[in-house]
Amino acid sequence: MEAPVAVGQEYGRLLVSLDGKVIVDEALVALEPVPEGGFFKRLLDMIKLFFIGLFS
């Protein structure tokens, strides 16, 4: 996920099943807003993600 994130925005679904029977089927939604970071925050995040990509 990338910022910005709005409250209530759906990001996926949680599906739990047992023996072929669906037990839980719920939306995964943001509970808190996450604003987009400033220039230096985004730059630092890009550097971190670059190195994580190298070693994963």
N, C-alpha and C. Protein backbone atom coordinates (compact mmCIF):
# COMPACT_ATOMS: atom_id res chain seq x y z
N MET A 1 0.84 -1.17 0.00
CA MET A 1 0.00 0.00 0.00
C MET A 1 0.88 1.23 0.00
N GLU A 2 0.37 2.24 -0.63
CA GLU A 2 1.07 3.51 -0.64
C GLU A 2 0.15 4.61 -0.14
N ALA A 3 0.73 5.57 0.55
CA ALA A 3 -0.03 6.72 1.05
C ALA A 3 -0.38 7.63 -0.11
N PRO A 4 -1.39 8.38 -0.03
CA PRO A 4 -2.28 8.60 1.12
C PRO A 4 -3.35 7.52 1.20
N VAL A 5 -3.78 7.28 2.45
CA VAL A 5 -4.82 6.30 2.74
C VAL A 5 -5.97 7.03 3.40
N ALA A 6 -7.17 6.81 2.91
CA ALA A 6 -8.36 7.45 3.49
C ALA A 6 -9.08 6.47 4.41
N VAL A 7 -9.70 7.02 5.45
CA VAL A 7 -10.48 6.18 6.38
C VAL A 7 -11.61 5.50 5.61
N GLY A 8 -11.77 4.21 5.85
CA GLY A 8 -12.84 3.46 5.21
C GLY A 8 -12.50 2.91 3.84
N GLN A 9 -11.31 3.24 3.31
CA GLN A 9 -10.91 2.75 1.99
C GLN A 9 -10.65 1.24 2.08
N GLU A 10 -11.23 0.47 1.17
CA GLU A 10 -11.07 -0.98 1.18
C GLU A 10 -9.78 -1.37 0.47
N TYR A 11 -9.01 -2.27 1.11
CA TYR A 11 -7.73 -2.70 0.55
C TYR A 11 -7.67 -4.18 0.26
N GLY A 12 -8.72 -4.89 0.53
CA GLY A 12 -8.72 -6.32 0.26
C GLY A 12 -9.84 -6.99 1.03
N ARG A 13 -9.80 -8.30 1.04
CA ARG A 13 -10.82 -9.07 1.76
C ARG A 13 -10.13 -10.17 2.54
N LEU A 14 -10.71 -10.50 3.68
CA LEU A 14 -10.25 -11.61 4.50
C LEU A 14 -11.26 -12.73 4.33
N LEU A 15 -10.78 -13.86 3.85
CA LEU A 15 -11.65 -15.01 3.61
C LEU A 15 -11.09 -16.19 4.40
N VAL A 16 -11.87 -16.68 5.35
CA VAL A 16 -11.48 -17.83 6.17
C VAL A 16 -12.47 -18.94 5.89
N SER A 17 -11.94 -20.12 5.55
CA SER A 17 -12.83 -21.25 5.28
C SER A 17 -12.30 -22.49 5.99
N LEU A 18 -13.22 -23.38 6.29
CA LEU A 18 -12.89 -24.64 6.94
C LEU A 18 -13.70 -25.73 6.28
N ASP A 19 -13.00 -26.73 5.76
CA ASP A 19 -13.64 -27.84 5.06
C ASP A 19 -14.54 -27.37 3.92
N GLY A 20 -14.09 -26.34 3.21
CA GLY A 20 -14.84 -25.83 2.07
C GLY A 20 -15.99 -24.90 2.43
N LYS A 21 -16.24 -24.69 3.71
CA LYS A 21 -17.33 -23.80 4.15
C LYS A 21 -16.74 -22.47 4.59
N VAL A 22 -17.26 -21.37 4.04
CA VAL A 22 -16.76 -20.04 4.37
C VAL A 22 -17.24 -19.67 5.77
N ILE A 23 -16.27 -19.35 6.63
CA ILE A 23 -16.58 -18.96 8.00
C ILE A 23 -16.61 -17.43 8.13
N VAL A 24 -15.62 -16.77 7.52
CA VAL A 24 -15.51 -15.32 7.59
C VAL A 24 -15.21 -14.79 6.20
N ASP A 25 -15.93 -13.75 5.80
CA ASP A 25 -15.66 -13.04 4.55
C ASP A 25 -15.88 -11.56 4.84
N GLU A 26 -14.79 -10.85 5.17
CA GLU A 26 -14.88 -9.46 5.58
C GLU A 26 -13.94 -8.59 4.76
N ALA A 27 -14.33 -7.34 4.58
CA ALA A 27 -13.49 -6.37 3.89
C ALA A 27 -12.39 -5.88 4.84
N LEU A 28 -11.20 -5.63 4.30
CA LEU A 28 -10.11 -5.04 5.06
C LEU A 28 -10.09 -3.56 4.73
N VAL A 29 -10.42 -2.73 5.70
CA VAL A 29 -10.53 -1.30 5.48
C VAL A 29 -9.59 -0.53 6.39
N ALA A 30 -9.20 0.65 5.95
CA ALA A 30 -8.33 1.52 6.74
C ALA A 30 -9.13 2.13 7.88
N LEU A 31 -8.58 2.04 9.10
CA LEU A 31 -9.25 2.60 10.27
C LEU A 31 -8.78 4.02 10.57
N GLU A 32 -7.58 4.36 10.09
CA GLU A 32 -7.02 5.68 10.34
C GLU A 32 -6.46 6.25 9.04
N PRO A 33 -6.53 7.57 8.88
CA PRO A 33 -5.95 8.16 7.67
C PRO A 33 -4.42 8.18 7.76
N VAL A 34 -3.78 8.04 6.61
CA VAL A 34 -2.32 8.13 6.53
C VAL A 34 -2.00 9.11 5.41
N PRO A 35 -1.52 10.29 5.78
CA PRO A 35 -1.21 11.29 4.75
C PRO A 35 0.06 10.92 3.99
N GLU A 36 0.19 11.49 2.82
CA GLU A 36 1.41 11.28 2.03
C GLU A 36 2.55 12.03 2.71
N GLY A 37 3.71 11.40 2.76
CA GLY A 37 4.87 12.02 3.40
C GLY A 37 5.44 13.14 2.55
N GLY A 38 6.27 13.94 3.17
CA GLY A 38 6.96 15.01 2.46
C GLY A 38 8.06 14.45 1.56
N PHE A 39 8.77 15.34 0.91
CA PHE A 39 9.81 14.95 -0.06
C PHE A 39 10.87 14.04 0.58
N PHE A 40 11.41 14.45 1.73
CA PHE A 40 12.50 13.68 2.34
C PHE A 40 12.00 12.35 2.91
N LYS A 41 10.79 12.30 3.43
CA LYS A 41 10.20 11.05 3.91
C LYS A 41 10.04 10.06 2.76
N ARG A 42 9.53 10.54 1.62
CA ARG A 42 9.36 9.67 0.46
C ARG A 42 10.71 9.19 -0.07
N LEU A 43 11.71 10.07 -0.07
CA LEU A 43 13.04 9.71 -0.53
C LEU A 43 13.64 8.62 0.36
N LEU A 44 13.52 8.77 1.68
CA LEU A 44 14.03 7.78 2.61
C LEU A 44 13.30 6.45 2.42
N ASP A 45 11.99 6.48 2.24
CA ASP A 45 11.22 5.26 2.01
C ASP A 45 11.65 4.56 0.73
N MET A 46 11.92 5.33 -0.33
CA MET A 46 12.36 4.72 -1.59
C MET A 46 13.70 4.02 -1.41
N ILE A 47 14.62 4.64 -0.65
CA ILE A 47 15.93 4.03 -0.40
C ILE A 47 15.77 2.75 0.40
N LYS A 48 14.92 2.78 1.44
CA LYS A 48 14.67 1.57 2.24
C LYS A 48 14.11 0.45 1.38
N LEU A 49 13.12 0.76 0.57
CA LEU A 49 12.50 -0.26 -0.27
C LEU A 49 13.49 -0.82 -1.29
N PHE A 50 14.39 0.02 -1.79
CA PHE A 50 15.41 -0.44 -2.73
C PHE A 50 16.29 -1.51 -2.08
N PHE A 51 16.76 -1.23 -0.85
CA PHE A 51 17.64 -2.19 -0.19
C PHE A 51 16.89 -3.43 0.26
N ILE A 52 15.64 -3.29 0.66
CA ILE A 52 14.83 -4.46 1.01
C ILE A 52 14.67 -5.36 -0.22
N GLY A 53 14.47 -4.74 -1.40
CA GLY A 53 14.33 -5.50 -2.63
C GLY A 53 15.61 -6.23 -3.02
N LEU A 54 16.75 -5.67 -2.68
CA LEU A 54 18.02 -6.32 -2.99
C LEU A 54 18.23 -7.59 -2.18
N PHE A 55 17.76 -7.59 -0.95
CA PHE A 55 18.05 -8.69 -0.04
C PHE A 55 16.87 -9.63 0.20
N SER A 56 15.79 -9.47 -0.55
CA SER A 56 14.67 -10.37 -0.33
C SER A 56 14.42 -11.25 -1.54
